[in-house]
C-alpha atoms as a PDB file:
ATOM      1  CA  MET A   1       5.155  66.361-126.834  1.00  0.00           C
ATOM      2  CA  SER A   2       4.461  66.301-122.935  1.00  0.00           C
ATOM      3  CA  THR A   3       1.748  67.669-121.120  1.00  0.00           C
ATOM      4  CA  LEU A   4       1.500  70.069-118.373  1.00  0.00           C
ATOM      5  CA  TYR A   5      -1.332  69.472-116.191  1.00  0.00           C
ATOM      6  CA  LEU A   6      -2.257  73.210-114.300  1.00  0.00           C
ATOM      7  CA  MET A   7      -4.406  73.232-111.314  1.00  0.00           C
ATOM      8  CA  THR A   8      -6.893  75.805-111.618  1.00  0.00           C
ATOM      9  CA  ASN A   9      -7.684  78.027-108.248  1.00  0.00           C
ATOM     10  CA  ALA A  10     -11.522  76.383-108.775  1.00  0.00           C
ATOM     11  CA  ASP A  11      -9.638  72.668-109.019  1.00  0.00           C
ATOM     12  CA  ALA A  12      -7.695  73.391-105.919  1.00  0.00           C
ATOM     13  CA  ALA A  13     -10.517  74.416-103.670  1.00  0.00           C
ATOM     14  CA  LYS A  14     -12.425  71.345-104.645  1.00  0.00           C
ATOM     15  CA  THR A  15      -9.500  69.234-103.933  1.00  0.00           C
ATOM     16  CA  LEU A  16      -8.506  70.568-100.369  1.00  0.00           C
ATOM     17  CA  THR A  17     -12.571  70.112 -99.576  1.00  0.00           C
ATOM     18  CA  ILE A  18     -12.593  66.590-100.931  1.00  0.00           C
ATOM     19  CA  VAL A  19      -9.359  65.956 -98.195  1.00  0.00           C
ATOM     20  CA  ALA A  20     -11.448  67.403 -94.991  1.00  0.00           C
ATOM     21  CA  LEU A  21     -14.041  66.547 -95.302  1.00  0.00           C
ATOM     22  CA  LEU A  22     -11.755  62.855 -95.057  1.00  0.00           C
ATOM     23  CA  LEU A  23     -10.217  64.010 -92.171  1.00  0.00           C
ATOM     24  CA  LEU A  24     -13.208  65.383 -91.015  1.00  0.00           C
ATOM     25  CA  LEU A  25     -14.726  61.855 -91.298  1.00  0.00           C
ATOM     26  CA  VAL A  26     -11.791  59.600 -90.007  1.00  0.00           C
ATOM     27  CA  ILE A  27     -12.078  62.131 -86.978  1.00  0.00           C
ATOM     28  CA  VAL A  28     -15.493  61.027 -86.590  1.00  0.00           C
ATOM     29  CA  PHE A  29     -14.851  57.369 -87.085  1.00  0.00           C
ATOM     30  CA  ASN A  30     -12.059  57.779 -84.358  1.00  0.00           C
ATOM     31  CA  ILE A  31     -14.446  59.289 -81.625  1.00  0.00           C
ATOM     32  CA  ILE A  32     -17.223  57.013 -82.046  1.00  0.00           C
ATOM     33  CA  LEU A  33     -15.493  54.473 -82.120  1.00  0.00           C
ATOM     34  CA  PHE A  34     -13.430  54.985 -78.681  1.00  0.00           C
ATOM     35  CA  ILE A  35     -17.142  56.370 -76.976  1.00  0.00           C
ATOM     36  CA  TYR A  36     -18.438  53.014 -78.056  1.00  0.00           C
ATOM     37  CA  ILE A  37     -15.201  51.040 -76.382  1.00  0.00           C
ATOM     38  CA  ALA A  38     -15.473  53.407 -73.168  1.00  0.00           C
ATOM     39  CA  ILE A  39     -18.759  51.958 -72.745  1.00  0.00           C
ATOM     40  CA  ARG A  40     -18.589  48.424 -73.643  1.00  0.00           C
ATOM     41  CA  ARG A  41     -15.697  48.747 -71.135  1.00  0.00           C
ATOM     42  CA  LYS A  42     -17.925  50.001 -67.867  1.00  0.00           C
ATOM     43  CA  GLY A  43     -20.461  48.188 -68.878  1.00  0.00           C
ATOM     44  CA  VAL A  44     -19.236  44.825 -68.817  1.00  0.00           C
ATOM     45  CA  LYS A  45     -16.971  43.681 -66.875  1.00  0.00           C
ATOM     46  CA  GLN A  46     -14.470  40.959 -67.915  1.00  0.00           C
ATOM     47  CA  PRO A  47     -13.102  38.051 -66.598  1.00  0.00           C
ATOM     48  CA  ARG A  48      -9.607  37.586 -66.126  1.00  0.00           C
ATOM     49  CA  LYS A  49      -7.867  34.865 -67.621  1.00  0.00           C
ATOM     50  CA  THR A  50      -5.372  32.744 -65.816  1.00  0.00           C
ATOM     51  CA  GLU A  51      -2.930  30.012 -66.615  1.00  0.00           C
ATOM     52  CA  GLY A  52      -3.903  28.075 -64.135  1.00  0.00           C
ATOM     53  CA  ILE A  53      -5.779  28.137 -61.080  1.00  0.00           C
ATOM     54  CA  ASN A  54      -4.828  29.732 -57.932  1.00  0.00           C
ATOM     55  CA  LEU A  55      -5.320  26.831 -55.834  1.00  0.00           C
ATOM     56  CA  ALA A  56      -4.389  29.210 -52.354  1.00  0.00           C
ATOM     57  CA  LEU A  57      -8.034  30.866 -52.791  1.00  0.00           C
ATOM     58  CA  ILE A  58      -9.971  27.252 -52.695  1.00  0.00           C
ATOM     59  CA  GLY A  59      -9.845  26.164 -49.316  1.00  0.00           C
ATOM     60  CA  ASN A  60     -11.709  24.682 -46.488  1.00  0.00           C
ATOM     61  CA  GLU A  61     -15.158  26.414 -46.096  1.00  0.00           C
ATOM     62  CA  GLU A  62     -14.930  26.291 -42.002  1.00  0.00           C
ATOM     63  CA  GLU A  63     -12.095  28.492 -42.278  1.00  0.00           C
ATOM     64  CA  LYS A  64     -14.585  30.650 -45.555  1.00  0.00           C
ATOM     65  CA  ALA A  65     -17.249  30.924 -42.517  1.00  0.00           C
ATOM     66  CA  LYS A  66     -14.386  31.523 -39.622  1.00  0.00           C
ATOM     67  CA  GLU A  67     -13.235  35.082 -40.835  1.00  0.00           C
ATOM     68  CA  GLU A  68     -16.163  36.303 -42.457  1.00  0.00           C
ATOM     69  CA  PRO A  69     -18.205  36.124 -39.443  1.00  0.00           C
ATOM     70  CA  ALA A  70     -22.445  36.178 -39.830  1.00  0.00           C
ATOM     71  CA  PRO A  71     -24.568  39.709 -40.050  1.00  0.00           C
ATOM     72  CA  ALA A  72     -25.919  39.886 -36.337  1.00  0.00           C
ATOM     73  CA  ASP A  73     -29.821  39.660 -37.435  1.00  0.00           C
ATOM     74  CA  GLU A  74     -28.444  36.502 -38.956  1.00  0.00           C
ATOM     75  CA  PRO A  75     -28.045  33.019 -36.754  1.00  0.00           C
ATOM     76  CA  ALA A  76     -24.510  32.028 -37.541  1.00  0.00           C
ATOM     77  CA  PRO A  77     -24.670  29.334 -40.077  1.00  0.00           C
ATOM     78  CA  ALA A  78     -24.140  25.221 -39.089  1.00  0.00           C
ATOM     79  CA  PRO A  79     -20.809  24.712 -39.517  1.00  0.00           C
ATOM     80  CA  ALA A  80     -19.995  21.755 -41.276  1.00  0.00           C
ATOM     81  CA  LYS A  81     -20.473  18.715 -40.304  1.00  0.00           C
ATOM     82  CA  SER A  82     -16.436  17.418 -41.885  1.00  0.00           C
ATOM     83  CA  PRO A  83     -13.709  19.189 -42.977  1.00  0.00           C
ATOM     84  CA  ALA A  84     -13.549  19.651 -46.947  1.00  0.00           C
ATOM     85  CA  LYS A  85     -10.625  17.490 -48.357  1.00  0.00           C
ATOM     86  CA  PRO A  86      -7.835  19.114 -49.711  1.00  0.00           C
ATOM     87  CA  PHE A  87      -8.162  19.830 -53.488  1.00  0.00           C
ATOM     88  CA  SER A  88      -6.765  17.535 -56.318  1.00  0.00           C
ATOM     89  CA  LEU A  89      -6.894  18.700 -60.227  1.00  0.00           C
ATOM     90  CA  PHE A  90      -6.194  14.847 -61.016  1.00  0.00           C
ATOM     91  CA  LYS A  91      -8.756  11.937 -60.898  1.00  0.00           C
ATOM     92  CA  LYS A  92      -7.889   9.912 -57.555  1.00  0.00           C
ATOM     93  CA  GLY A  93      -7.444   6.423 -58.058  1.00  0.00           C
ATOM     94  CA  THR A  94      -8.427   3.665 -55.013  1.00  0.00           C
ATOM     95  CA  LYS A  95      -5.629   3.403 -51.801  1.00  0.00           C
ATOM     96  CA  SER A  96      -5.226  -0.014 -52.892  1.00  0.00           C
ATOM     97  CA  GLU A  97      -3.484   1.141 -56.157  1.00  0.00           C
ATOM     98  CA  GLY A  98      -0.996   2.949 -53.504  1.00  0.00           C
ATOM     99  CA  CYS A  99      -0.468   6.048 -51.201  1.00  0.00           C
ATOM    100  CA  GLU A 100      -2.340   9.847 -50.790  1.00  0.00           C
ATOM    101  CA  ILE A 101       0.649  12.881 -50.042  1.00  0.00           C
ATOM    102  CA  VAL A 102      -0.555  16.342 -49.080  1.00  0.00           C
ATOM    103  CA  LEU A 103       1.887  19.031 -49.536  1.00  0.00           C
ATOM    104  CA  THR A 104       0.250  21.682 -47.044  1.00  0.00           C
ATOM    105  CA  ASP A 105       1.832  25.039 -47.107  1.00  0.00           C
ATOM    106  CA  ILE A 106       3.325  26.093 -44.246  1.00  0.00           C
ATOM    107  CA  ALA A 107       3.097  30.549 -44.455  1.00  0.00           C
ATOM    108  CA  HIS A 108      -0.469  29.282 -45.204  1.00  0.00           C
ATOM    109  CA  PRO A 109      -1.601  26.381 -43.601  1.00  0.00           C
ATOM    110  CA  GLU A 110      -4.931  26.429 -45.589  1.00  0.00           C
ATOM    111  CA  ARG A 111      -3.704  25.790 -48.845  1.00  0.00           C
ATOM    112  CA  SER A 112      -2.439  22.720 -49.319  1.00  0.00           C
ATOM    113  CA  PHE A 113      -1.684  19.977 -52.454  1.00  0.00           C
ATOM    114  CA  TYR A 114      -3.324  16.367 -52.493  1.00  0.00           C
ATOM    115  CA  ALA A 115      -2.476  13.325 -54.938  1.00  0.00           C
ATOM    116  CA  GLU A 116      -3.625   9.529 -54.057  1.00  0.00           C
ATOM    117  CA  GLY A 117      -4.042   6.327 -55.576  1.00  0.00           C
ATOM    118  CA  LYS A 118      -0.684   6.523 -57.192  1.00  0.00           C
ATOM    119  CA  LYS A 119       2.639   4.892 -55.681  1.00  0.00           C
ATOM    120  CA  GLU A 120       5.700   7.676 -57.551  1.00  0.00           C
ATOM    121  CA  PHE A 121       3.731  11.182 -57.368  1.00  0.00           C
ATOM    122  CA  LEU A 122       5.024  13.819 -59.694  1.00  0.00           C
ATOM    123  CA  VAL A 123       5.622  17.392 -58.418  1.00  0.00           C
ATOM    124  CA  GLY A 124       5.682  20.495 -60.998  1.00  0.00           C
ATOM    125  CA  ARG A 125       4.522  23.846 -61.984  1.00  0.00           C
ATOM    126  CA  ARG A 126       2.529  21.521 -65.499  1.00  0.00           C
ATOM    127  CA  PRO A 127      -1.123  20.874 -65.136  1.00  0.00           C
ATOM    128  CA  GLN A 128      -0.263  17.453 -66.186  1.00  0.00           C
ATOM    129  CA  MET A 129       1.758  17.253 -62.610  1.00  0.00           C
ATOM    130  CA  ASP A 130       0.413  15.153 -60.126  1.00  0.00           C
ATOM    131  CA  LEU A 131       1.141  17.901 -58.299  1.00  0.00           C
ATOM    132  CA  CYS A 132       0.289  21.007 -59.947  1.00  0.00           C
ATOM    133  CA  ILE A 133       1.910  24.369 -57.928  1.00  0.00           C
ATOM    134  CA  PRO A 134       0.791  26.671 -61.293  1.00  0.00           C
ATOM    135  CA  ASP A 135       1.302  30.024 -59.000  1.00  0.00           C
ATOM    136  CA  ASP A 136       4.839  29.608 -58.397  1.00  0.00           C
ATOM    137  CA  GLY A 137       7.925  30.500 -60.402  1.00  0.00           C
ATOM    138  CA  TYR A 138      10.202  29.260 -58.457  1.00  0.00           C
ATOM    139  CA  VAL A 139       8.697  25.932 -58.774  1.00  0.00           C
ATOM    140  CA  SER A 140      10.123  23.669 -62.420  1.00  0.00           C
ATOM    141  CA  GLY A 141       7.987  22.708 -64.856  1.00  0.00           C
ATOM    142  CA  THR A 142       8.864  19.265 -63.685  1.00  0.00           C
ATOM    143  CA  HIS A 143      10.471  19.964 -60.456  1.00  0.00           C
ATOM    144  CA  CYS A 144      10.820  16.242 -57.925  1.00  0.00           C
ATOM    145  CA  LYS A 145       9.186  13.481 -57.078  1.00  0.00           C
ATOM    146  CA  PHE A 146       7.591  11.194 -54.475  1.00  0.00           C
ATOM    147  CA  GLU A 147       8.395   7.515 -54.407  1.00  0.00           C
ATOM    148  CA  ILE A 148       6.130   5.279 -52.164  1.00  0.00           C
ATOM    149  CA  VAL A 149       9.471   2.037 -51.743  1.00  0.00           C
ATOM    150  CA  ASP A 150       9.038  -0.737 -49.492  1.00  0.00           C
ATOM    151  CA  ASN A 151       6.134   1.188 -47.336  1.00  0.00           C
ATOM    152  CA  ASN A 152       8.884   4.529 -46.934  1.00  0.00           C
ATOM    153  CA  LEU A 153       8.424   7.875 -48.668  1.00  0.00           C
ATOM    154  CA  PHE A 154      11.405   9.275 -50.502  1.00  0.00           C
ATOM    155  CA  ILE A 155      12.056  12.319 -52.521  1.00  0.00           C
ATOM    156  CA  THR A 156      14.370  12.720 -55.882  1.00  0.00           C
ATOM    157  CA  ASP A 157      14.573  16.513 -57.443  1.00  0.00           C
ATOM    158  CA  LEU A 158      14.923  16.332 -60.881  1.00  0.00           C
ATOM    159  CA  GLU A 159      16.864  18.721 -62.086  1.00  0.00           C
ATOM    160  CA  SER A 160      14.924  21.211 -61.099  1.00  0.00           C
ATOM    161  CA  SER A 161      16.430  25.036 -60.938  1.00  0.00           C
ATOM    162  CA  ASN A 162      16.590  25.952 -58.021  1.00  0.00           C
ATOM    163  CA  GLY A 163      17.231  23.035 -56.119  1.00  0.00           C
ATOM    164  CA  THR A 164      14.802  20.790 -53.429  1.00  0.00           C
ATOM    165  CA  LYS A 165      15.237  21.003 -50.224  1.00  0.00           C
ATOM    166  CA  VAL A 166      14.195  18.352 -46.676  1.00  0.00           C
ATOM    167  CA  ASN A 167      13.934  19.716 -43.512  1.00  0.00           C
ATOM    168  CA  GLY A 168      16.647  23.057 -44.481  1.00  0.00           C
ATOM    169  CA  ASN A 169      19.292  20.928 -46.214  1.00  0.00           C
ATOM    170  CA  LYS A 170      19.179  21.050 -50.484  1.00  0.00           C
ATOM    171  CA  ILE A 171      18.915  17.062 -52.064  1.00  0.00           C
ATOM    172  CA  THR A 172      21.037  15.566 -54.568  1.00  0.00           C
ATOM    173  CA  GLU A 173      20.186  12.507 -55.146  1.00  0.00           C
ATOM    174  CA  LYS A 174      16.904  10.321 -53.365  1.00  0.00           C
ATOM    175  CA  VAL A 175      16.187  11.358 -49.508  1.00  0.00           C
ATOM    176  CA  GLN A 176      13.546   8.680 -47.252  1.00  0.00           C
ATOM    177  CA  ILE A 177      10.706  11.083 -46.025  1.00  0.00           C
ATOM    178  CA  THR A 178       9.409  11.068 -42.772  1.00  0.00           C
ATOM    179  CA  GLU A 179       6.191  12.636 -41.574  1.00  0.00           C
ATOM    180  CA  ASN A 180       6.334  15.820 -40.842  1.00  0.00           C
ATOM    181  CA  ASP A 181       9.475  16.750 -42.213  1.00  0.00           C
ATOM    182  CA  ILE A 182       9.769  20.110 -44.039  1.00  0.00           C
ATOM    183  CA  VAL A 183       9.625  19.945 -48.055  1.00  0.00           C
ATOM    184  CA  ARG A 184      10.932  23.138 -49.915  1.00  0.00           C
ATOM    185  CA  ILE A 185       9.694  23.987 -53.662  1.00  0.00           C
ATOM    186  CA  GLY A 186      10.138  26.626 -54.928  1.00  0.00           C
ATOM    187  CA  LYS A 187       9.812  29.374 -52.874  1.00  0.00           C
ATOM    188  CA  ALA A 188       7.225  27.922 -50.448  1.00  0.00           C
ATOM    189  CA  GLU A 189       7.759  25.093 -47.640  1.00  0.00           C
ATOM    190  CA  TYR A 190       5.480  22.280 -47.281  1.00  0.00           C
ATOM    191  CA  ARG A 191       4.666  19.576 -44.748  1.00  0.00           C
ATOM    192  CA  VAL A 192       4.840  16.281 -45.523  1.00  0.00           C
ATOM    193  CA  ASN A 193       1.728  13.905 -44.459  1.00  0.00           C
ATOM    194  CA  TYR A 194       1.103  10.548 -46.266  1.00  0.00           C
ATOM    195  CA  GLN A 195      -0.336   7.377 -46.012  1.00  0.00           C
END
């Protein structure tokens, strides 16, 4: 024989009271959590994490000094004694081991990519590239390479997604580069200098 349990009005009231208290507890907890998060966000500004280094922000200190005039009541800072070398993400070799190469962005001349000490330089978005261009989505992971052959500089596209251009012409094989040639890698055009 089955037993049928019938709730009395008193049992129903106790159950509803317990459920209401639990709901109230959950609501109060959420309000406290919301206030805690809001206070943390206002009080402490968290630095943004980035995948790579934005090299456009790294430039010559003289250029920065020109952009920011000194206040009238303070004397202007003395100019730097020598211009800063372009920034390099990688260890530098000695010049006797190879050459040095500088890619200078035509649109933003304060933005340069520099490497030295080798006879072959890989260019791409990956951090292990000799010339890393991390902030241009049109640059392939391994985009192209520069190499020195008999004291001449050559560039080869490494089957990049968007191709490589030299002086406006898309390249499909190894092409010789001369001083101040314009190379398009990704969205940007760069003036090539090497020694």
